[in-house]
């Protein structure tokens, strides 16, 4: 198990939670007893001045009730850590788009939110699904742990569902033998390459979205590694044809010529899925990008 952010957050939650409970049940009472004992030393009859005795009593009580720094920090941060942990584990999680593989839908630098319960509730850290809510649908944009290196998060679009036959031949997409048409929709300026590329509209399931595609550019198709269920895919000079195994998905980037995806490294196991991406909450270079996307 890698020391990722979720695990670190969980450890902090447990540590601060233990101290919070310990303070509530034991430490706070001990401080109060010490405060009462300290205040009793400053009786008005002993001090001789009622006002001075009251001031000394108050100062002694405040000093005795003061939390140790480690308790104070734990008690202060526990509610914040608890809120972040619950929000991030069960509701939404933020991600940053690191590359242009999902252009034009998502740009490098987009900060997105991922719905953590669209595909079922999972226990954090151990990532075990406990409540079935839904399944990825064709056309969804989803975040998952990269099958080649599970410590890395990837974002692609769901193209193939379990049992589907996916073929990408001569830069044309076929699902279960049927061609998925794409219609020209002008040109798109690709900032990473400082050039224009043809943009098309495509519809997967109920989701209409845009893709980038250079139909005249040659493209090589070969597996990056001997991925699980490699026997389900056949590679040729003009493309790849795959039968999606049960419990797995075929994912592709919208920037079809510049995306390392299931065409090269295989299928996405359902257990690797993090959630469905649905909202751009910030792009510091272009605030107009904030909002939902398809």
Protein backbone atom coordinates (compact mmCIF):
# COMPACT_ATOMS: atom_id res chain seq x y z
CA UNK A 1 0.00 0.00 0.00
CA UNK A 2 1.55 3.31 -1.08
CA UNK A 3 1.71 6.34 1.15
CA UNK A 4 -0.71 8.39 -0.92
CA UNK A 5 -2.67 11.42 0.18
CA UNK A 6 -5.74 9.39 1.20
CA UNK A 7 -3.67 7.22 3.53
CA UNK A 8 -1.87 10.20 5.05
CA UNK A 9 -5.21 11.95 5.61
CA UNK A 10 -6.62 8.81 7.24
CA UNK A 11 -3.64 8.52 9.60
CA UNK A 12 -4.00 12.19 10.60
CA UNK A 13 -7.72 11.67 11.13
CA UNK A 14 -7.14 8.70 13.44
CA UNK A 15 -4.40 10.43 15.46
CA UNK A 16 -6.30 13.70 15.93
CA UNK A 17 -9.52 11.77 16.59
CA UNK A 18 -7.93 9.73 19.37
CA UNK A 19 -6.56 12.87 21.02
CA UNK A 20 -9.94 14.64 20.62
CA UNK A 21 -11.78 11.76 22.34
CA UNK A 22 -9.08 11.46 25.01
CA UNK A 23 -9.34 15.16 25.76
CA UNK A 24 -13.14 15.01 25.94
CA UNK A 25 -13.19 11.96 28.22
CA UNK A 26 -10.09 12.37 30.40
CA UNK A 27 -7.74 15.28 29.86
CA UNK A 28 -10.34 18.05 30.15
CA UNK A 29 -11.52 16.76 33.55
CA UNK A 30 -7.93 16.55 34.77
CA UNK A 31 -7.28 20.15 33.78
CA UNK A 32 -10.43 21.26 35.56
CA UNK A 33 -9.39 19.47 38.77
CA UNK A 34 -5.98 21.12 38.62
CA UNK A 35 -7.62 24.48 38.00
CA UNK A 36 -9.86 24.15 41.06
CA UNK A 37 -6.88 23.18 43.20
CA UNK A 38 -4.81 26.10 41.92
CA UNK A 39 -7.66 28.57 42.51
CA UNK A 40 -8.16 27.34 46.07
CA UNK A 41 -4.69 28.58 46.99
CA UNK A 42 -5.80 32.18 46.59
CA UNK A 43 -8.41 32.63 49.27
CA UNK A 44 -9.39 36.22 50.04
CA UNK A 45 -8.63 35.70 53.74
CA UNK A 46 -5.09 34.60 52.89
CA UNK A 47 -4.38 37.28 50.32
CA UNK A 48 -6.07 40.06 52.29
CA UNK A 49 -7.57 41.79 49.26
CA UNK A 50 -10.72 40.31 47.69
CA UNK A 51 -10.11 41.87 44.27
CA UNK A 52 -6.49 40.77 44.18
CA UNK A 53 -7.50 37.28 45.31
CA UNK A 54 -10.08 37.06 42.50
CA UNK A 55 -7.49 38.15 39.90
CA UNK A 56 -4.98 35.60 41.13
CA UNK A 57 -7.64 32.88 41.22
CA UNK A 58 -8.66 33.66 37.63
CA UNK A 59 -5.07 33.64 36.36
CA UNK A 60 -4.29 30.38 38.16
CA UNK A 61 -7.44 28.75 36.77
CA UNK A 62 -6.73 29.89 33.21
CA UNK A 63 -3.15 28.63 33.42
CA UNK A 64 -4.23 25.22 34.73
CA UNK A 65 -6.95 24.85 32.08
CA UNK A 66 -4.60 25.68 29.20
CA UNK A 67 -4.21 22.77 26.80
CA UNK A 68 -0.79 21.38 25.92
CA UNK A 69 0.15 22.50 22.44
CA UNK A 70 -0.23 19.02 20.94
CA UNK A 71 -3.74 18.66 22.36
CA UNK A 72 -4.73 22.14 21.21
CA UNK A 73 -3.57 21.47 17.65
CA UNK A 74 -5.25 18.06 17.50
CA UNK A 75 -8.57 19.33 18.88
CA UNK A 76 -8.53 22.29 16.49
CA UNK A 77 -7.67 20.34 13.35
CA UNK A 78 -9.76 17.20 13.93
CA UNK A 79 -13.11 18.67 12.68
CA UNK A 80 -11.39 20.13 9.60
CA UNK A 81 -9.61 16.87 8.78
CA UNK A 82 -12.83 14.91 9.35
CA UNK A 83 -14.76 17.19 6.99
CA UNK A 84 -12.10 16.97 4.25
CA UNK A 85 -11.80 13.20 4.66
CA UNK A 86 -15.54 12.56 4.36
CA UNK A 87 -15.93 15.02 1.46
CA UNK A 88 -12.97 13.62 -0.45
CA UNK A 89 -13.76 9.96 0.23
CA UNK A 90 -17.50 9.86 -0.38
CA UNK A 91 -18.63 13.01 -2.22
CA UNK A 92 -16.16 14.76 -4.54
CA UNK A 93 -12.41 14.76 -5.06
CA UNK A 94 -10.40 17.43 -6.92
CA UNK A 95 -7.95 16.58 -9.70
CA UNK A 96 -5.73 18.56 -12.04
CA UNK A 97 -5.54 17.77 -15.75
CA UNK A 98 -1.82 17.31 -16.51
CA UNK A 99 -1.86 16.83 -20.30
CA UNK A 100 -3.78 17.41 -23.51
CA UNK A 101 -4.98 13.84 -24.08
CA UNK A 102 -8.60 14.90 -23.44
CA UNK A 103 -8.61 17.96 -25.67
CA UNK A 104 -10.85 19.69 -26.60
CA UNK A 105 -13.06 18.60 -23.67
CA UNK A 106 -10.43 19.16 -20.99
CA UNK A 107 -7.31 21.28 -21.20
CA UNK A 108 -4.02 20.99 -19.38
CA UNK A 109 -4.38 23.03 -16.21
CA UNK A 110 -8.12 22.44 -15.73
CA UNK A 111 -8.97 21.73 -12.10
CA UNK A 112 -11.88 19.31 -12.05
CA UNK A 113 -14.21 17.66 -9.56
CA UNK A 114 -14.86 13.93 -9.59
CA UNK A 115 -18.10 12.45 -8.24
CA UNK A 116 -17.05 9.67 -5.85
CA UNK A 117 -20.47 8.00 -5.47
CA UNK A 118 -21.66 7.76 -9.10
CA UNK A 119 -20.28 4.26 -9.43
CA UNK A 120 -20.80 3.10 -5.84
CA UNK A 121 -19.52 3.93 -2.38
CA UNK A 122 -16.07 2.60 -1.51
CA UNK A 123 -14.31 2.38 1.81
CA UNK A 124 -11.40 4.84 1.77
CA UNK A 125 -7.79 3.65 1.84
CA UNK A 126 -8.65 -0.03 1.22
CA UNK A 127 -10.88 1.05 -1.70
CA UNK A 128 -13.46 -1.72 -1.26
CA UNK A 129 -16.92 -1.12 -2.73
CA UNK A 130 -19.62 -1.51 -0.09
CA UNK A 131 -22.69 -0.02 -1.79
CA UNK A 132 -23.53 -0.45 -5.47
CA UNK A 133 -24.95 2.78 -6.91
CA UNK A 134 -24.31 2.66 -10.64
CA UNK A 135 -21.95 1.58 -13.41
CA UNK A 136 -19.87 3.63 -15.85
CA UNK A 137 -21.84 4.40 -18.98
CA UNK A 138 -20.56 4.79 -22.50
CA UNK A 139 -19.52 8.40 -22.98
CA UNK A 140 -18.70 9.10 -19.31
CA UNK A 141 -15.47 10.90 -18.52
CA UNK A 142 -13.94 9.03 -15.60
CA UNK A 143 -10.82 9.05 -13.44
CA UNK A 144 -9.08 5.78 -12.68
CA UNK A 145 -5.81 4.40 -11.41
CA UNK A 146 -3.53 3.72 -14.37
CA UNK A 147 -3.35 -0.08 -14.78
CA UNK A 148 0.37 0.07 -15.64
CA UNK A 149 1.16 2.11 -12.49
CA UNK A 150 -1.74 2.26 -9.98
CA UNK A 151 -0.07 5.15 -8.12
CA UNK A 152 -0.86 7.39 -11.13
CA UNK A 153 -4.36 8.74 -11.85
CA UNK A 154 -5.60 8.87 -15.46
CA UNK A 155 -8.65 10.49 -17.01
CA UNK A 156 -10.28 9.22 -20.22
CA UNK A 157 -13.69 8.64 -21.74
CA UNK A 158 -15.57 5.34 -21.46
CA UNK A 159 -15.87 3.85 -24.96
CA UNK A 160 -16.35 0.14 -24.36
CA UNK A 161 -18.43 -1.61 -21.70
CA UNK A 162 -17.97 -5.20 -20.49
CA UNK A 163 -18.79 -7.59 -23.34
CA UNK A 164 -18.43 -4.96 -26.09
CA UNK A 165 -16.29 -5.49 -29.16
CA UNK A 166 -14.34 -2.31 -29.85
CA UNK A 167 -12.49 -1.73 -33.11
CA UNK A 168 -10.43 1.32 -34.02
CA UNK A 169 -9.49 0.86 -37.66
CA UNK A 170 -8.16 3.51 -40.04
CA UNK A 171 -9.05 6.11 -37.39
CA UNK A 172 -12.69 5.06 -37.34
CA UNK A 173 -14.36 3.77 -34.18
CA UNK A 174 -16.64 0.74 -34.29
CA UNK A 175 -18.67 -0.56 -31.34
CA UNK A 176 -20.11 -4.04 -31.72
CA UNK A 177 -19.64 -3.82 -35.48
CA UNK A 178 -21.39 -0.45 -35.88
CA UNK A 179 -19.50 2.62 -37.03
CA UNK A 180 -19.59 5.55 -34.60
CA UNK A 181 -19.89 8.53 -36.97
CA UNK A 182 -18.07 11.80 -36.39
CA UNK A 183 -19.06 15.06 -38.06
CA UNK A 184 -16.62 17.88 -38.84
CA UNK A 185 -17.02 20.84 -36.49
CA UNK A 186 -14.39 23.33 -37.58
CA UNK A 187 -10.80 23.50 -36.35
CA UNK A 188 -9.32 23.63 -32.87
CA UNK A 189 -6.16 25.46 -31.88
CA UNK A 190 -4.05 23.02 -29.88
CA UNK A 191 -1.91 25.15 -27.52
CA UNK A 192 0.65 22.43 -26.74
CA UNK A 193 1.51 22.05 -30.44
CA UNK A 194 0.77 25.65 -31.46
CA UNK A 195 -1.22 24.44 -34.45
CA UNK A 196 -4.76 23.88 -35.66
CA UNK A 197 -6.28 20.41 -35.88
CA UNK A 198 -9.60 19.17 -37.21
CA UNK A 199 -12.40 19.00 -34.64
CA UNK A 200 -15.35 16.62 -34.88
CA UNK A 201 -18.59 15.92 -33.06
CA UNK A 202 -19.14 12.37 -31.85
CA UNK A 203 -21.88 10.68 -29.85
CA UNK A 204 -21.28 7.81 -27.45
CA UNK A 205 -24.44 6.54 -25.80
CA UNK A 206 -26.40 9.64 -24.80
CA UNK A 207 -23.31 11.85 -24.64
CA UNK A 208 -22.45 14.13 -27.55
CA UNK A 209 -18.93 15.48 -27.28
CA UNK A 210 -16.06 16.74 -29.43
CA UNK A 211 -12.88 14.98 -30.48
CA UNK A 212 -9.67 15.99 -32.25
CA UNK A 213 -8.53 13.88 -35.17
CA UNK A 214 -6.03 14.22 -38.01
CA UNK A 215 -7.29 11.67 -40.50
CA UNK A 216 -4.24 12.10 -42.73
CA UNK A 217 -1.64 11.57 -40.01
CA UNK A 218 -0.18 8.06 -39.80
CA UNK A 219 -0.52 6.33 -36.45
CA UNK A 220 1.14 3.19 -35.11
CA UNK A 221 -0.77 0.65 -33.04
CA UNK A 222 1.16 -1.66 -30.73
CA UNK A 223 0.72 -2.72 -27.10
CA UNK A 224 2.92 -0.92 -24.58
CA UNK A 225 3.14 -4.01 -22.36
CA UNK A 226 1.77 -7.52 -21.98
CA UNK A 227 -1.38 -6.31 -20.23
CA UNK A 228 -3.96 -8.63 -18.59
CA UNK A 229 -6.36 -10.17 -21.13
CA UNK A 230 -3.96 -9.24 -23.93
CA UNK A 231 -5.36 -12.20 -25.86
CA UNK A 232 -8.64 -10.27 -26.22
CA UNK A 233 -6.98 -7.79 -28.61
CA UNK A 234 -5.73 -8.18 -32.15
CA UNK A 235 -3.35 -5.56 -33.54
CA UNK A 236 -2.78 -4.78 -37.22
CA UNK A 237 -1.16 -2.04 -39.27
CA UNK A 238 -4.42 -0.12 -39.53
CA UNK A 239 -5.65 -0.42 -35.95
CA UNK A 240 -6.75 -2.63 -33.09
CA UNK A 241 -9.78 -4.78 -32.29
CA UNK A 242 -10.61 -5.79 -28.68
CA UNK A 243 -13.26 -7.76 -26.83
CA UNK A 244 -13.83 -6.07 -23.46
CA UNK A 245 -13.70 -8.62 -20.59
CA UNK A 246 -16.30 -8.73 -17.83
CA UNK A 247 -15.66 -6.24 -15.04
CA UNK A 248 -13.44 -4.06 -17.26
CA UNK A 249 -13.77 -1.07 -19.57
CA UNK A 250 -12.19 0.29 -22.74
CA UNK A 251 -11.14 3.93 -22.41
CA UNK A 252 -9.95 6.49 -24.96
CA UNK A 253 -8.88 10.11 -24.93
CA UNK A 254 -10.78 12.70 -26.97
CA UNK A 255 -7.49 13.81 -28.54
CA UNK A 256 -7.41 10.62 -30.58
CA UNK A 257 -3.95 11.05 -32.14
CA UNK A 258 -2.29 12.11 -28.89
CA UNK A 259 -3.66 9.87 -26.17
CA UNK A 260 -2.09 6.83 -24.52
CA UNK A 261 -5.19 4.79 -23.71
CA UNK A 262 -6.76 1.34 -23.90
CA UNK A 263 -5.60 1.00 -27.50
CA UNK A 264 -2.06 0.70 -26.15
CA UNK A 265 -2.11 -0.43 -22.50
CA UNK A 266 -5.31 -2.47 -22.26
CA UNK A 267 -8.47 -2.41 -20.19
CA UNK A 268 -9.50 -0.51 -17.05
CA UNK A 269 -10.58 -2.86 -14.22
CA UNK A 270 -13.67 -1.68 -12.37
CA UNK A 271 -11.68 -1.84 -9.13
CA UNK A 272 -9.35 0.88 -10.48
CA UNK A 273 -12.11 3.42 -11.06
CA UNK A 274 -12.07 6.51 -8.82
CA UNK A 275 -15.21 8.30 -10.05
CA UNK A 276 -16.96 10.28 -12.77
CA UNK A 277 -15.53 13.69 -13.71
CA UNK A 278 -18.27 16.30 -14.11
CA UNK A 279 -17.17 19.86 -13.36
CA UNK A 280 -14.27 22.25 -14.03
CA UNK A 281 -14.02 24.36 -10.89
CA UNK A 282 -10.98 26.44 -11.90
CA UNK A 283 -8.49 27.15 -14.64
CA UNK A 284 -6.19 29.99 -13.62
CA UNK A 285 -5.27 30.71 -17.25
CA UNK A 286 -8.86 30.85 -18.51
CA UNK A 287 -11.69 31.48 -16.04
CA UNK A 288 -14.29 31.04 -18.79
CA UNK A 289 -13.68 27.29 -18.68
CA UNK A 290 -15.34 26.97 -15.26
CA UNK A 291 -18.50 24.83 -15.51
CA UNK A 292 -19.85 21.44 -16.54
CA UNK A 293 -18.65 19.51 -19.58
CA UNK A 294 -19.73 16.49 -21.64
